[in-house]
Amino acid sequence: MTVRVAINGFGRIGRLVLRAIVESGRKDIEVVGVNDLGPIETNAHLLRHDSVHGKFPHAVTVDGDTMDAGRGPIKVTAVRNPAELPWKELKVDIAMECTGIFTSKE
């Protein structure tokens, strides 16, 4: 069974989560969604070129609201309110919270 993952926040930590999943080579984990308020082209560029880890090991392409990091299409959204994220529609099993906004239990 494939675990479907979504990443909320595609800053340094969010990009490293995606990179770790891709570089692991595991076929049982699939990133199906990314939410970030920044432009999709900028996020793709930052994923391609990391100042510490170097060049991303796969081609990163953008087509409309979809990004592909070498493992299939990833739906990219720019939703401010987490309650409105399309994780149910994308059948997400695990949502990685990488925005850094939520620092308390409430």
Protein backbone atom coordinates (compact mmCIF):
# COMPACT_ATOMS: atom_id res chain seq x y z
CA MET A 1 0.00 0.00 0.00
CA THR A 2 1.32 3.42 -0.96
CA VAL A 3 1.25 6.16 1.68
CA ARG A 4 0.04 9.44 0.18
CA VAL A 5 1.80 12.49 1.67
CA ALA A 6 1.04 16.21 1.46
CA ILE A 7 3.41 19.00 2.49
CA ASN A 8 2.02 22.24 3.92
CA GLY A 9 4.78 24.84 3.63
CA PHE A 10 7.47 24.51 0.99
CA GLY A 11 10.24 26.50 2.61
CA ARG A 12 13.52 24.91 3.62
CA ILE A 13 11.95 22.13 5.71
CA GLY A 14 9.16 21.31 3.23
CA ARG A 15 11.63 21.06 0.36
CA LEU A 16 13.89 18.81 2.43
CA VAL A 17 10.94 16.53 3.24
CA LEU A 18 10.24 16.12 -0.49
CA ARG A 19 13.94 15.65 -1.24
CA ALA A 20 14.30 12.98 1.47
CA ILE A 21 11.31 11.05 0.12
CA VAL A 22 12.59 11.20 -3.47
CA GLU A 23 16.19 10.34 -2.56
CA SER A 24 15.08 7.42 -0.36
CA GLY A 25 13.94 5.62 -3.50
CA ARG A 26 10.96 4.21 -1.61
CA LYS A 27 8.08 3.39 -3.92
CA ASP A 28 5.61 3.06 -1.03
CA ILE A 29 5.59 6.82 -0.32
CA GLU A 30 4.04 9.25 -2.80
CA VAL A 31 3.93 13.04 -2.40
CA VAL A 32 0.60 14.09 -3.89
CA GLY A 33 0.23 17.68 -2.69
CA VAL A 34 2.21 20.76 -1.72
CA ASN A 35 0.73 23.94 -0.31
CA ASP A 36 2.77 27.14 -0.28
CA LEU A 37 1.89 30.80 -0.81
CA GLY A 38 4.95 31.43 -3.00
CA PRO A 39 4.87 31.18 -6.80
CA ILE A 40 5.11 27.61 -8.10
CA GLU A 41 7.99 28.51 -10.46
CA THR A 42 10.00 29.96 -7.55
CA ASN A 43 9.37 26.86 -5.44
CA ALA A 44 10.47 24.61 -8.31
CA HIS A 45 13.65 26.68 -8.76
CA LEU A 46 14.46 26.49 -5.03
CA LEU A 47 13.93 22.72 -5.09
CA ARG A 48 16.25 22.36 -8.10
CA HIS A 49 19.08 24.36 -6.48
CA ASP A 50 19.81 23.86 -2.78
CA SER A 51 22.74 25.80 -1.30
CA VAL A 52 23.67 22.94 1.07
CA HIS A 53 22.55 19.75 -0.70
CA GLY A 54 23.30 20.90 -4.22
CA LYS A 55 21.37 20.12 -7.38
CA PHE A 56 18.17 18.09 -7.05
CA PRO A 57 18.76 14.57 -8.43
CA HIS A 58 15.83 14.68 -10.89
CA ALA A 59 14.35 17.13 -13.36
CA VAL A 60 11.75 19.39 -11.74
CA THR A 61 9.02 20.54 -14.09
CA VAL A 62 5.94 22.73 -13.71
CA ASP A 63 2.72 22.49 -15.70
CA GLY A 64 0.01 24.88 -14.49
CA ASP A 65 -0.71 24.00 -10.86
CA THR A 66 1.25 20.75 -10.99
CA MET A 67 4.91 20.11 -10.24
CA ASP A 68 6.81 16.92 -11.04
CA ALA A 69 10.00 16.15 -9.12
CA GLY A 70 10.75 12.90 -10.89
CA ARG A 71 8.14 10.78 -9.14
CA GLY A 72 4.88 11.86 -10.77
CA PRO A 73 2.57 14.87 -10.57
CA ILE A 74 2.22 16.85 -7.35
CA LYS A 75 -0.79 19.17 -7.01
CA VAL A 76 0.41 22.60 -5.82
CA THR A 77 -1.92 24.99 -4.03
CA ALA A 78 -1.62 28.40 -2.35
CA VAL A 79 -4.23 28.18 0.40
CA ARG A 80 -3.82 30.37 3.48
CA ASN A 81 -6.40 28.63 5.70
CA PRO A 82 -5.38 25.04 6.58
CA ALA A 83 -9.04 24.03 6.96
CA GLU A 84 -9.48 24.68 3.23
CA LEU A 85 -6.60 22.49 2.04
CA PRO A 86 -7.68 19.83 -0.50
CA TRP A 87 -6.09 16.94 1.38
CA LYS A 88 -9.34 14.93 1.45
CA GLU A 89 -9.77 15.29 -2.32
CA LEU A 90 -6.16 14.16 -2.82
CA LYS A 91 -6.72 11.18 -0.48
CA VAL A 92 -3.80 12.23 1.73
CA ASP A 93 -2.77 9.77 4.45
CA ILE A 94 -0.12 11.97 6.12
CA ALA A 95 0.08 15.77 6.08
CA MET A 96 3.49 17.22 6.93
CA GLU A 97 3.11 20.62 8.62
CA CYS A 98 6.22 22.56 7.55
CA THR A 99 5.07 26.20 7.68
CA GLY A 100 6.46 26.95 11.13
CA ILE A 101 3.31 28.93 11.90
CA PHE A 102 1.76 26.50 14.35
CA THR A 103 3.97 26.46 17.43
CA SER A 104 1.43 25.57 20.12
CA LYS A 105 -1.11 22.80 20.66
CA GLU A 106 -4.05 25.20 20.28
